[in-house]
Amino acid sequence: MSQLPILKLATHIVASVGVSKVVNDMISNNVNSPQTTADAVKIWTGSIVLGSMVAEQASKHVSTRFDELAAWYASRKADTAAA
């Protein structure tokens, strides 16, 4: 599975972008328009922090799943070779 690192990276990128979009959409749909520049900065900063926190957890999840897939594939390949 030499293509696994490339597939894993691509999935991380797509997941991070998707998570950031969802977080930004949730914030824009549930936060009133900022009245001051300070409010706009607070909302923007909160969006970045929340997006990065969720993206980090999504990245950990993707890594775990890919590692499980790689282990399953390796064991299946070993079982096939032994048979």
N, C-alpha and C. Protein backbone atom coordinates (compact mmCIF):
# COMPACT_ATOMS: atom_id res chain seq x y z
N MET A 1 0.83 -1.20 0.00
CA MET A 1 0.00 0.00 0.00
C MET A 1 0.87 1.25 0.00
N SER A 2 1.63 1.40 -1.02
CA SER A 2 2.54 2.55 -1.09
C SER A 2 1.80 3.86 -1.31
N GLN A 3 0.58 3.80 -1.75
CA GLN A 3 -0.20 5.02 -1.98
C GLN A 3 -0.94 5.47 -0.73
N LEU A 4 -0.84 4.72 0.34
CA LEU A 4 -1.56 5.06 1.56
C LEU A 4 -1.17 6.43 2.11
N PRO A 5 0.12 6.80 2.20
CA PRO A 5 0.44 8.13 2.72
C PRO A 5 -0.17 9.27 1.89
N ILE A 6 -0.21 9.10 0.57
CA ILE A 6 -0.80 10.14 -0.28
C ILE A 6 -2.30 10.23 -0.05
N LEU A 7 -2.95 9.08 0.03
CA LEU A 7 -4.39 9.04 0.28
C LEU A 7 -4.70 9.61 1.66
N LYS A 8 -3.87 9.28 2.63
CA LYS A 8 -4.06 9.78 3.99
C LYS A 8 -3.95 11.30 4.04
N LEU A 9 -2.93 11.85 3.36
CA LEU A 9 -2.74 13.30 3.31
C LEU A 9 -3.92 13.98 2.62
N ALA A 10 -4.36 13.43 1.51
CA ALA A 10 -5.49 14.01 0.79
C ALA A 10 -6.75 14.01 1.66
N THR A 11 -6.96 12.92 2.39
CA THR A 11 -8.13 12.85 3.27
C THR A 11 -8.03 13.86 4.40
N HIS A 12 -6.83 14.04 4.95
CA HIS A 12 -6.62 15.04 6.00
C HIS A 12 -6.96 16.44 5.49
N ILE A 13 -6.51 16.74 4.29
CA ILE A 13 -6.75 18.07 3.73
C ILE A 13 -8.24 18.29 3.51
N VAL A 14 -8.90 17.33 2.90
CA VAL A 14 -10.34 17.46 2.63
C VAL A 14 -11.12 17.56 3.94
N ALA A 15 -10.76 16.72 4.93
CA ALA A 15 -11.46 16.75 6.22
C ALA A 15 -11.25 18.09 6.91
N SER A 16 -10.03 18.62 6.88
CA SER A 16 -9.75 19.91 7.54
C SER A 16 -10.52 21.04 6.89
N VAL A 17 -10.54 21.07 5.57
CA VAL A 17 -11.28 22.11 4.86
C VAL A 17 -12.78 21.98 5.15
N GLY A 18 -13.27 20.75 5.12
CA GLY A 18 -14.69 20.52 5.38
C GLY A 18 -15.10 20.91 6.79
N VAL A 19 -14.27 20.55 7.75
CA VAL A 19 -14.56 20.89 9.14
C VAL A 19 -14.54 22.40 9.34
N SER A 20 -13.56 23.06 8.75
CA SER A 20 -13.49 24.53 8.87
C SER A 20 -14.71 25.19 8.26
N LYS A 21 -15.17 24.67 7.13
CA LYS A 21 -16.37 25.23 6.49
C LYS A 21 -17.60 25.05 7.38
N VAL A 22 -17.75 23.86 7.95
CA VAL A 22 -18.90 23.61 8.81
C VAL A 22 -18.87 24.53 10.03
N VAL A 23 -17.72 24.67 10.65
CA VAL A 23 -17.60 25.54 11.83
C VAL A 23 -17.91 26.98 11.45
N ASN A 24 -17.35 27.46 10.35
CA ASN A 24 -17.62 28.83 9.93
C ASN A 24 -19.09 29.05 9.61
N ASP A 25 -19.72 28.08 8.95
CA ASP A 25 -21.15 28.20 8.64
C ASP A 25 -21.99 28.20 9.91
N MET A 26 -21.63 27.35 10.87
CA MET A 26 -22.37 27.31 12.13
C MET A 26 -22.26 28.65 12.85
N ILE A 27 -21.08 29.21 12.86
CA ILE A 27 -20.89 30.51 13.53
C ILE A 27 -21.65 31.60 12.80
N SER A 28 -21.55 31.64 11.48
CA SER A 28 -22.23 32.71 10.74
C SER A 28 -23.75 32.60 10.83
N ASN A 29 -24.26 31.37 10.98
CA ASN A 29 -25.71 31.19 11.09
C ASN A 29 -26.23 31.41 12.50
N ASN A 30 -25.36 31.41 13.50
CA ASN A 30 -25.82 31.49 14.88
C ASN A 30 -25.28 32.68 15.67
N VAL A 31 -24.50 33.52 15.03
CA VAL A 31 -23.94 34.69 15.70
C VAL A 31 -24.45 35.94 14.99
N ASN A 32 -24.93 36.88 15.78
CA ASN A 32 -25.41 38.13 15.19
C ASN A 32 -24.25 38.87 14.54
N SER A 33 -24.58 39.71 13.59
CA SER A 33 -23.55 40.50 12.92
C SER A 33 -22.83 41.35 13.95
N PRO A 34 -21.50 41.40 13.84
CA PRO A 34 -20.75 42.17 14.83
C PRO A 34 -21.06 43.66 14.72
N GLN A 35 -21.18 44.28 15.88
CA GLN A 35 -21.48 45.71 15.92
C GLN A 35 -20.22 46.56 15.92
N THR A 36 -19.13 45.97 16.41
CA THR A 36 -17.88 46.72 16.47
C THR A 36 -16.75 45.89 15.85
N THR A 37 -15.65 46.55 15.61
CA THR A 37 -14.48 45.85 15.10
C THR A 37 -13.99 44.82 16.11
N ALA A 38 -14.07 45.16 17.39
CA ALA A 38 -13.65 44.22 18.43
C ALA A 38 -14.50 42.96 18.38
N ASP A 39 -15.81 43.11 18.18
CA ASP A 39 -16.69 41.95 18.06
C ASP A 39 -16.31 41.10 16.85
N ALA A 40 -16.01 41.74 15.74
CA ALA A 40 -15.63 41.01 14.52
C ALA A 40 -14.35 40.22 14.75
N VAL A 41 -13.40 40.83 15.45
CA VAL A 41 -12.13 40.15 15.74
C VAL A 41 -12.37 38.96 16.67
N LYS A 42 -13.22 39.13 17.66
CA LYS A 42 -13.54 38.04 18.60
C LYS A 42 -14.19 36.87 17.86
N ILE A 43 -15.12 37.17 16.98
CA ILE A 43 -15.81 36.12 16.23
C ILE A 43 -14.83 35.41 15.31
N TRP A 44 -14.00 36.18 14.61
CA TRP A 44 -13.01 35.61 13.71
C TRP A 44 -12.03 34.73 14.46
N THR A 45 -11.53 35.21 15.61
CA THR A 45 -10.58 34.44 16.41
C THR A 45 -11.23 33.17 16.95
N GLY A 46 -12.44 33.28 17.44
CA GLY A 46 -13.15 32.10 17.93
C GLY A 46 -13.37 31.07 16.83
N SER A 47 -13.67 31.54 15.64
CA SER A 47 -13.87 30.65 14.51
C SER A 47 -12.58 29.89 14.19
N ILE A 48 -11.47 30.58 14.20
CA ILE A 48 -10.18 29.92 13.92
C ILE A 48 -9.86 28.89 15.00
N VAL A 49 -10.05 29.26 16.25
CA VAL A 49 -9.74 28.35 17.36
C VAL A 49 -10.63 27.11 17.30
N LEU A 50 -11.93 27.31 17.17
CA LEU A 50 -12.84 26.17 17.10
C LEU A 50 -12.55 25.30 15.88
N GLY A 51 -12.32 25.92 14.74
CA GLY A 51 -12.03 25.17 13.53
C GLY A 51 -10.76 24.34 13.67
N SER A 52 -9.73 24.91 14.27
CA SER A 52 -8.48 24.16 14.41
C SER A 52 -8.62 23.04 15.43
N MET A 53 -9.40 23.26 16.49
CA MET A 53 -9.61 22.20 17.49
C MET A 53 -10.35 21.02 16.87
N VAL A 54 -11.40 21.31 16.15
CA VAL A 54 -12.19 20.24 15.54
C VAL A 54 -11.39 19.57 14.43
N ALA A 55 -10.65 20.34 13.65
CA ALA A 55 -9.83 19.76 12.58
C ALA A 55 -8.75 18.85 13.16
N GLU A 56 -8.18 19.22 14.30
CA GLU A 56 -7.17 18.38 14.93
C GLU A 56 -7.76 17.03 15.34
N GLN A 57 -8.94 17.05 15.93
CA GLN A 57 -9.59 15.80 16.32
C GLN A 57 -9.97 14.98 15.09
N ALA A 58 -10.44 15.64 14.05
CA ALA A 58 -10.76 14.93 12.81
C ALA A 58 -9.51 14.29 12.22
N SER A 59 -8.40 15.00 12.30
CA SER A 59 -7.14 14.46 11.79
C SER A 59 -6.71 13.22 12.58
N LYS A 60 -6.86 13.27 13.89
CA LYS A 60 -6.53 12.10 14.72
C LYS A 60 -7.44 10.93 14.35
N HIS A 61 -8.70 11.20 14.14
CA HIS A 61 -9.66 10.16 13.77
C HIS A 61 -9.28 9.53 12.43
N VAL A 62 -8.96 10.37 11.45
CA VAL A 62 -8.57 9.87 10.12
C VAL A 62 -7.32 9.02 10.23
N SER A 63 -6.33 9.48 11.01
CA SER A 63 -5.10 8.71 11.18
C SER A 63 -5.37 7.34 11.79
N THR A 64 -6.21 7.32 12.81
CA THR A 64 -6.54 6.06 13.46
C THR A 64 -7.21 5.11 12.48
N ARG A 65 -8.17 5.60 11.73
CA ARG A 65 -8.88 4.75 10.78
C ARG A 65 -7.95 4.24 9.67
N PHE A 66 -7.07 5.10 9.17
CA PHE A 66 -6.14 4.66 8.15
C PHE A 66 -5.16 3.63 8.70
N ASP A 67 -4.71 3.82 9.92
CA ASP A 67 -3.80 2.84 10.53
C ASP A 67 -4.50 1.49 10.69
N GLU A 68 -5.77 1.52 11.10
CA GLU A 68 -6.54 0.28 11.21
C GLU A 68 -6.70 -0.38 9.84
N LEU A 69 -6.96 0.42 8.82
CA LEU A 69 -7.10 -0.10 7.46
C LEU A 69 -5.79 -0.72 6.99
N ALA A 70 -4.69 -0.05 7.24
CA ALA A 70 -3.38 -0.57 6.83
C ALA A 70 -3.07 -1.87 7.55
N ALA A 71 -3.38 -1.95 8.84
CA ALA A 71 -3.14 -3.18 9.60
C ALA A 71 -4.02 -4.31 9.08
N TRP A 72 -5.27 -4.02 8.79
CA TRP A 72 -6.18 -5.03 8.25
C TRP A 72 -5.67 -5.52 6.90
N TYR A 73 -5.26 -4.60 6.05
CA TYR A 73 -4.77 -4.97 4.72
C TYR A 73 -3.50 -5.82 4.83
N ALA A 74 -2.59 -5.43 5.72
CA ALA A 74 -1.35 -6.20 5.91
C ALA A 74 -1.65 -7.61 6.41
N SER A 75 -2.59 -7.74 7.36
CA SER A 75 -2.91 -9.07 7.87
C SER A 75 -3.62 -9.90 6.81
N ARG A 76 -4.46 -9.28 6.02
CA ARG A 76 -5.14 -9.99 4.94
C ARG A 76 -4.14 -10.45 3.89
N LYS A 77 -3.19 -9.58 3.57
CA LYS A 77 -2.16 -9.91 2.60
C LYS A 77 -1.30 -11.07 3.12
N ALA A 78 -0.98 -11.05 4.43
CA ALA A 78 -0.19 -12.12 5.04
C ALA A 78 -0.98 -13.44 5.03
N ASP A 79 -2.28 -13.36 5.33
CA ASP A 79 -3.11 -14.56 5.31
C ASP A 79 -3.19 -15.16 3.91
N THR A 80 -3.29 -14.31 2.90
CA THR A 80 -3.36 -14.78 1.52
C THR A 80 -2.04 -15.42 1.10
N ALA A 81 -0.94 -14.82 1.53
CA ALA A 81 0.37 -15.36 1.18
C ALA A 81 0.63 -16.69 1.87
N ALA A 82 0.10 -16.87 3.08
CA ALA A 82 0.30 -18.10 3.83
C ALA A 82 -0.55 -19.24 3.27
N ALA A 83 -1.64 -18.90 2.62
CA ALA A 83 -2.54 -19.95 2.11
C ALA A 83 -2.08 -20.59 0.86
